[in-house]
Amino acid sequence: MSHIQTRLSAATRVDSSAQTAPETIPKGHARLRLAAASLCGTDLHYYAHFANAGFQLQNPVTLGHEACAWVEDPNGSDLKPGQLIALNPIMNCQTCAPCRRGEENLCTAKKFPGSATTVPHLDGFFRDVIDHPARCCRPVAEGVNPRHLTFAEPLACALHALNKGGVTEGQKVMVTGCGPMGLLAIAGAAARGAHVTALDLRPGAVEVALQAGAEEGLLADRVDAAGIEKRFDVVIEASGAIPAFNTALRAVKQKGRISILSNIQPREAQVMLHLVMLKEIEIVGSFQFNREFEEAVALIETGAINFEALTAAEYPLDRAGEALALMAAGGAIGKILLIGSGLPAASL
């Protein structure tokens, strides 16, 4: 069977070519074969600008940090050939102060695939053959759908935002922005028994949010400001848009909490900071995840989330460029999947 590797060689240019696997596997790594991967907003920024959040790529790189795979060669680890595993992309040092606190997301020597934050850059998961640290491979129960398991990493990010926000059963929670991350935050909050309201500019996105578990959907350009004033215990900001953040400041209750999930790109902005003081609002950042990766995989294993409703489209791996172009055009609500050569892709 031939293998494929994709590579972002310049902004908006993704090349696909035959992949030749290295003869040797690095110590502590296992050799894997891609089952499914999914596109992230970070991939989109690299695709569109060859940069993300101020980090410029220095050379062509394989994108992708959301994926699951089958084990081909355990390479002396406890993994078993043929096992389906979720890939944790955070390769932390395990020795720095954040790691010792259990905060590998803040590791001072962290390596992360498909990103300009690691220099030299590490290739990501949009390739058929992947050598990855065995300690970062999480085997799953039999019967888990690989198309669902590829959501493990973004779901972990969403759950981290929920944990930072302190979301619990019975709370009133608003999620601003119903892109893929917002939809996963909605699904995660609903699974905890929270009462979720979704807010987005796009009617179609609000409809998907209701399928994901939101009890109420609001259109941002039609929302009654007085009707949401001081209404929510927690707001998860998942749009990356300053107007949505200002809406969150209005909507959260006194002494409520806003958890920022989406990456707000650096730019000048007018923010209603006076409300932070007047309402004693707590604002917390949410970056990647820690123990939530295990929480996400366990939640996927239960089958409690309707991932079919959260999937917008899927493409074979060698059409990654088309998939990214669709995402860049805003033509998809939900996650876009890439399917490895060993897993049949659905018709598009």
Protein backbone atom coordinates (compact mmCIF):
# COMPACT_ATOMS: atom_id res chain seq x y z
CA MET A 1 0.00 0.00 0.00
CA SER A 2 1.38 3.42 -0.90
CA HIS A 3 1.49 6.11 1.77
CA ILE A 4 0.80 9.83 1.47
CA GLN A 5 2.41 12.82 3.11
CA THR A 6 1.06 16.35 2.79
CA ARG A 7 3.11 19.50 3.28
CA LEU A 8 2.28 23.19 3.47
CA SER A 9 4.98 24.72 1.26
CA ALA A 10 3.65 28.30 1.18
CA ALA A 11 0.49 30.16 2.12
CA THR A 12 -2.53 28.40 0.52
CA ARG A 13 -0.30 25.76 -1.10
CA VAL A 14 -0.48 22.18 0.14
CA ASP A 15 1.50 19.52 -1.71
CA SER A 16 0.79 15.78 -1.53
CA SER A 17 3.46 13.21 -2.30
CA ALA A 18 4.38 9.59 -1.68
CA GLN A 19 5.73 9.03 1.82
CA THR A 20 8.72 6.84 2.55
CA ALA A 21 8.84 5.82 6.19
CA PRO A 22 12.22 6.09 7.97
CA GLU A 23 14.02 2.78 8.39
CA THR A 24 14.38 3.22 12.14
CA ILE A 25 11.87 4.33 14.75
CA PRO A 26 13.13 6.80 17.38
CA LYS A 27 13.60 5.38 20.87
CA GLY A 28 10.43 5.67 22.94
CA HIS A 29 8.28 6.16 19.85
CA ALA A 30 5.77 3.83 18.21
CA ARG A 31 5.07 3.63 14.50
CA LEU A 32 1.47 4.45 13.66
CA ARG A 33 -0.76 4.52 10.59
CA LEU A 34 -3.20 7.40 10.32
CA ALA A 35 -6.88 6.53 10.68
CA ALA A 36 -8.43 10.01 10.69
CA ALA A 37 -7.40 13.59 11.35
CA SER A 38 -9.34 16.83 11.61
CA LEU A 39 -8.67 20.43 10.67
CA CYS A 40 -8.21 23.10 13.31
CA GLY A 41 -8.35 26.88 13.26
CA THR A 42 -4.61 26.84 13.88
CA ASP A 43 -4.11 24.84 10.68
CA LEU A 44 -6.29 27.38 8.89
CA HIS A 45 -4.16 30.33 10.02
CA TYR A 46 -0.96 28.58 8.89
CA TYR A 47 -2.63 27.70 5.59
CA ALA A 48 -3.81 31.26 4.98
CA HIS A 49 -0.81 33.21 6.27
CA PHE A 50 2.07 30.72 6.75
CA ALA A 51 1.90 32.01 10.32
CA ASN A 52 -0.34 31.92 13.39
CA ALA A 53 -0.65 34.29 16.36
CA GLY A 54 2.64 35.94 15.52
CA PHE A 55 4.57 32.69 14.96
CA GLN A 56 5.97 32.51 11.42
CA LEU A 57 6.82 29.19 9.79
CA GLN A 58 10.47 29.08 8.77
CA ASN A 59 10.14 26.23 6.30
CA PRO A 60 7.53 23.90 4.75
CA VAL A 61 5.83 21.64 7.28
CA THR A 62 3.16 18.97 7.55
CA LEU A 63 0.20 20.44 9.42
CA GLY A 64 -2.16 18.66 11.80
CA HIS A 65 -2.36 17.96 15.52
CA GLU A 66 -5.79 16.34 15.81
CA ALA A 67 -5.74 12.67 14.86
CA CYS A 68 -6.11 9.02 15.74
CA ALA A 69 -4.16 6.10 14.32
CA TRP A 70 -3.55 2.37 14.40
CA VAL A 71 -0.40 0.93 15.92
CA GLU A 72 1.84 -0.69 13.32
CA ASP A 73 4.99 -1.22 15.39
CA PRO A 74 4.94 -0.78 19.20
CA ASN A 75 8.75 -0.56 19.16
CA GLY A 76 9.11 -2.15 22.60
CA SER A 77 6.24 -0.22 24.23
CA ASP A 78 3.13 -1.68 25.88
CA LEU A 79 1.03 -0.81 22.84
CA LYS A 80 -0.35 -3.65 20.72
CA PRO A 81 -0.22 -3.96 16.92
CA GLY A 82 -3.57 -3.01 15.40
CA GLN A 83 -4.73 -1.00 18.42
CA LEU A 84 -6.63 2.19 17.72
CA ILE A 85 -5.11 5.06 19.66
CA ALA A 86 -5.79 8.76 20.20
CA LEU A 87 -2.72 10.94 19.65
CA ASN A 88 -1.91 13.49 22.31
CA PRO A 89 0.17 16.09 20.44
CA ILE A 90 1.66 17.69 23.57
CA MET A 91 5.19 16.33 24.00
CA ASN A 92 6.13 17.87 27.32
CA CYS A 93 9.49 17.62 29.08
CA GLN A 94 7.98 16.12 32.28
CA THR A 95 10.58 17.89 34.47
CA CYS A 96 9.93 21.67 34.43
CA ALA A 97 7.86 23.36 37.13
CA PRO A 98 4.60 23.44 35.10
CA CYS A 99 4.98 19.75 34.23
CA ARG A 100 5.51 18.89 37.88
CA ARG A 101 2.29 20.76 38.65
CA GLY A 102 0.44 18.69 36.05
CA GLU A 103 0.23 21.63 33.63
CA GLU A 104 1.93 20.19 30.57
CA ASN A 105 0.15 22.78 28.42
CA LEU A 106 2.50 25.38 29.94
CA CYS A 107 5.65 23.24 29.67
CA THR A 108 8.69 25.44 29.12
CA ALA A 109 10.28 22.93 26.72
CA LYS A 110 7.16 21.56 25.04
CA LYS A 111 7.27 20.21 21.51
CA PHE A 112 4.14 20.44 19.38
CA PRO A 113 3.70 19.04 15.84
CA GLY A 114 2.64 21.08 12.82
CA SER A 115 3.39 24.37 14.55
CA ALA A 116 5.89 27.24 14.29
CA THR A 117 6.12 27.33 18.10
CA THR A 118 8.53 24.38 17.98
CA VAL A 119 11.86 25.13 16.29
CA PRO A 120 13.02 23.21 14.34
CA HIS A 121 9.43 22.53 13.30
CA LEU A 122 8.01 19.04 13.80
CA ASP A 123 5.82 17.59 11.07
CA GLY A 124 2.20 17.15 12.08
CA PHE A 125 -0.29 14.36 11.57
CA PHE A 126 -1.54 14.97 8.01
CA ARG A 127 0.48 11.96 6.77
CA ASP A 128 -0.11 8.23 6.66
CA VAL A 129 2.91 7.05 8.69
CA ILE A 130 3.57 8.74 12.02
CA ASP A 131 6.27 8.03 14.60
CA HIS A 132 5.00 9.41 17.91
CA PRO A 133 6.05 9.05 21.57
CA ALA A 134 4.38 5.93 22.93
CA ARG A 135 3.58 7.74 26.18
CA CYS A 136 1.44 10.16 24.15
CA CYS A 137 -0.65 7.36 22.58
CA ARG A 138 -3.89 6.51 24.38
CA PRO A 139 -5.47 3.14 23.40
CA VAL A 140 -9.26 3.14 23.29
CA ALA A 141 -12.02 0.62 23.85
CA GLU A 142 -13.00 -1.67 21.01
CA GLY A 143 -15.73 -0.37 18.76
CA VAL A 144 -14.80 3.32 18.96
CA ASN A 145 -15.30 4.99 15.59
CA PRO A 146 -12.02 6.53 14.34
CA ARG A 147 -14.03 9.40 12.85
CA HIS A 148 -15.19 10.22 16.37
CA LEU A 149 -11.85 9.61 18.06
CA THR A 150 -10.14 12.28 15.97
CA PHE A 151 -12.16 14.77 18.04
CA ALA A 152 -10.19 13.85 21.19
CA GLU A 153 -7.69 16.72 21.01
CA PRO A 154 -10.13 19.56 20.24
CA LEU A 155 -12.64 18.14 22.71
CA ALA A 156 -9.90 18.16 25.36
CA CYS A 157 -9.29 21.85 24.59
CA ALA A 158 -13.02 22.56 24.97
CA LEU A 159 -13.19 20.63 28.25
CA HIS A 160 -10.20 22.58 29.56
CA ALA A 161 -12.10 25.81 28.86
CA LEU A 162 -15.12 24.39 30.70
CA ASN A 163 -12.93 23.43 33.65
CA LYS A 164 -11.28 26.85 33.73
CA GLY A 165 -14.75 28.36 33.67
CA GLY A 166 -15.93 26.07 36.46
CA VAL A 167 -18.87 24.73 34.44
CA THR A 168 -20.99 22.30 36.46
CA GLU A 169 -24.43 20.71 36.36
CA GLY A 170 -27.37 23.07 36.48
CA GLN A 171 -25.48 26.23 35.54
CA LYS A 172 -26.59 28.63 32.85
CA VAL A 173 -23.82 28.74 30.25
CA MET A 174 -23.51 30.79 27.09
CA VAL A 175 -21.11 29.83 24.30
CA THR A 176 -20.30 32.69 21.92
CA GLY A 177 -19.27 31.33 18.54
CA CYS A 178 -20.50 28.04 17.07
CA GLY A 179 -17.45 27.06 15.08
CA PRO A 180 -15.95 23.63 15.73
CA MET A 181 -14.51 24.57 19.14
CA GLY A 182 -17.68 26.30 20.25
CA LEU A 183 -19.76 23.30 19.21
CA LEU A 184 -17.50 20.98 21.23
CA ALA A 185 -17.77 23.30 24.23
CA ILE A 186 -21.55 23.16 23.88
CA ALA A 187 -21.51 19.35 23.68
CA GLY A 188 -19.20 19.09 26.67
CA ALA A 189 -21.22 21.50 28.81
CA ALA A 190 -24.48 19.76 27.90
CA ALA A 191 -22.92 16.39 28.84
CA ARG A 192 -22.25 17.86 32.30
CA GLY A 193 -25.88 18.84 32.70
CA ALA A 194 -25.46 22.59 32.14
CA HIS A 195 -28.19 24.64 30.46
CA VAL A 196 -26.47 25.93 27.34
CA THR A 197 -27.31 28.89 25.14
CA ALA A 198 -25.47 29.21 21.81
CA LEU A 199 -24.76 32.51 20.08
CA ASP A 200 -23.55 32.95 16.49
CA LEU A 201 -24.11 35.17 13.46
CA ARG A 202 -24.94 32.22 11.19
CA PRO A 203 -28.38 30.58 11.39
CA GLY A 204 -26.93 27.27 10.18
CA ALA A 205 -24.34 27.27 12.95
CA VAL A 206 -27.01 27.89 15.56
CA GLU A 207 -29.02 24.97 14.18
CA VAL A 208 -26.01 22.66 14.54
CA ALA A 209 -25.45 23.99 18.07
CA LEU A 210 -28.95 22.86 19.01
CA GLN A 211 -28.10 19.39 17.68
CA ALA A 212 -24.90 19.47 19.74
CA GLY A 213 -26.83 19.96 22.97
CA ALA A 214 -27.69 23.66 23.31
CA GLU A 215 -31.15 24.30 24.73
CA GLU A 216 -31.36 27.75 23.16
CA GLY A 217 -29.85 29.32 20.06
CA LEU A 218 -29.49 33.06 19.48
CA LEU A 219 -28.47 35.02 16.40
CA ALA A 220 -25.90 37.64 17.38
CA ASP A 221 -27.30 40.36 15.10
CA ARG A 222 -30.83 39.87 16.40
CA VAL A 223 -30.24 39.26 20.08
CA ASP A 224 -32.10 41.36 22.63
CA ALA A 225 -29.30 42.88 24.72
CA ALA A 226 -31.61 43.40 27.70
CA GLY A 227 -32.72 39.78 27.50
CA ILE A 228 -29.22 38.39 28.07
CA GLU A 229 -27.92 41.03 30.51
CA LYS A 230 -26.40 39.36 33.62
CA ARG A 231 -28.11 36.09 32.74
CA PHE A 232 -25.30 33.51 32.66
CA ASP A 233 -23.08 31.96 35.32
CA VAL A 234 -20.33 31.24 32.79
CA VAL A 235 -19.64 32.38 29.24
CA ILE A 236 -17.27 30.44 26.99
CA GLU A 237 -15.88 32.80 24.34
CA ALA A 238 -15.23 30.59 21.30
CA SER A 239 -15.49 33.03 18.39
CA GLY A 240 -12.23 34.95 18.66
CA ALA A 241 -14.19 38.14 17.89
CA ILE A 242 -14.05 41.25 20.08
CA PRO A 243 -17.78 42.06 19.65
CA ALA A 244 -18.59 38.59 20.99
CA PHE A 245 -16.26 39.18 23.94
CA ASN A 246 -18.10 42.41 24.71
CA THR A 247 -21.37 40.49 24.52
CA ALA A 248 -19.92 38.01 27.02
CA LEU A 249 -19.10 40.89 29.40
CA ARG A 250 -22.73 42.00 29.23
CA ALA A 251 -24.25 38.53 29.47
CA VAL A 252 -22.31 37.14 32.43
CA LYS A 253 -23.73 37.59 35.92
CA GLN A 254 -22.12 39.60 38.67
CA LYS A 255 -19.12 37.62 39.95
CA GLY A 256 -19.53 35.32 36.94
CA ARG A 257 -16.70 33.92 34.88
CA ILE A 258 -15.65 34.22 31.23
CA SER A 259 -13.38 31.51 29.84
CA ILE A 260 -11.58 32.43 26.61
CA LEU A 261 -11.34 29.35 24.41
CA SER A 262 -10.63 30.73 20.94
CA ASN A 263 -7.38 32.43 19.98
CA ILE A 264 -8.13 36.14 19.62
CA GLN A 265 -5.58 37.27 17.04
CA PRO A 266 -3.42 40.26 18.05
CA ARG A 267 -5.02 43.56 16.99
CA GLU A 268 -6.28 46.84 18.41
CA ALA A 269 -9.73 46.54 19.95
CA GLN A 270 -12.21 48.40 22.10
CA VAL A 271 -13.22 46.25 25.06
CA MET A 272 -15.73 47.22 27.74
CA LEU A 273 -13.30 46.65 30.59
CA HIS A 274 -15.34 48.80 32.97
CA LEU A 275 -17.80 45.89 33.27
CA VAL A 276 -15.03 43.68 34.62
CA MET A 277 -14.73 46.03 37.58
CA LEU A 278 -18.41 46.86 38.04
CA LYS A 279 -19.56 43.22 37.99
CA GLU A 280 -16.41 41.71 39.52
CA ILE A 281 -16.10 39.41 36.52
CA GLU A 282 -13.41 36.74 36.50
CA ILE A 283 -11.76 36.29 33.09
CA VAL A 284 -9.62 33.20 32.55
CA GLY A 285 -7.57 32.07 29.62
CA SER A 286 -7.72 28.51 28.37
CA PHE A 287 -4.75 27.13 26.47
CA GLN A 288 -4.73 23.56 25.14
CA PHE A 289 -5.36 21.00 27.90
CA ASN A 290 -3.91 18.83 30.67
CA ARG A 291 -5.80 15.95 32.26
CA GLU A 292 -8.70 16.80 29.96
CA PHE A 293 -7.23 14.66 27.18
CA GLU A 294 -8.05 11.55 29.20
CA GLU A 295 -11.44 13.05 30.06
CA ALA A 296 -12.14 13.64 26.37
CA VAL A 297 -11.22 10.10 25.31
CA ALA A 298 -13.34 8.63 28.10
CA LEU A 299 -16.29 10.79 27.02
CA ILE A 300 -15.88 9.67 23.41
CA GLU A 301 -15.86 6.05 24.56
CA THR A 302 -19.28 6.54 26.18
CA GLY A 303 -20.86 7.54 22.86
CA ALA A 304 -22.63 10.43 24.59
CA ILE A 305 -21.78 13.06 21.95
CA ASN A 306 -23.36 13.23 18.51
CA PHE A 307 -20.17 13.64 16.48
CA GLU A 308 -22.03 13.05 13.23
CA ALA A 309 -23.84 16.35 13.76
CA LEU A 310 -20.50 18.05 14.39
CA THR A 311 -18.86 16.72 11.20
CA ALA A 312 -19.14 19.02 8.20
CA ALA A 313 -17.24 17.06 5.55
CA GLU A 314 -14.47 14.54 5.03
CA TYR A 315 -11.77 14.20 2.42
CA PRO A 316 -9.11 11.61 1.63
CA LEU A 317 -5.71 12.66 2.92
CA ASP A 318 -4.32 13.51 -0.52
CA ARG A 319 -7.01 16.21 -0.88
CA ALA A 320 -5.97 18.08 2.25
CA GLY A 321 -5.49 21.26 0.23
CA GLU A 322 -9.11 21.17 -0.92
CA ALA A 323 -10.27 20.59 2.65
CA LEU A 324 -8.31 23.59 3.91
CA ALA A 325 -9.60 25.73 1.05
CA LEU A 326 -13.18 24.82 2.00
CA MET A 327 -12.49 25.78 5.60
CA ALA A 328 -10.85 29.04 4.53
CA ALA A 329 -13.89 29.91 2.42
CA GLY A 330 -16.17 29.43 5.41
CA GLY A 331 -18.02 26.71 3.58
CA ALA A 332 -18.33 24.28 6.48
CA ILE A 333 -20.07 24.27 9.84
CA GLY A 334 -18.39 21.77 12.11
CA LYS A 335 -15.22 19.74 11.73
CA ILE A 336 -13.64 18.77 8.41
CA LEU A 337 -11.97 15.36 8.56
CA LEU A 338 -9.07 13.89 6.61
CA ILE A 339 -9.12 10.11 6.18
CA GLY A 340 -5.96 8.01 6.06
CA SER A 341 -5.34 5.46 3.35
CA GLY A 342 -6.42 2.57 5.53
CA LEU A 343 -9.90 3.88 6.21
CA PRO A 344 -12.43 4.31 3.39
CA ALA A 345 -13.56 7.92 2.94
CA ALA A 346 -17.23 8.76 2.57
CA SER A 347 -18.34 10.18 -0.75
CA LEU A 348 -18.16 13.96 -0.90
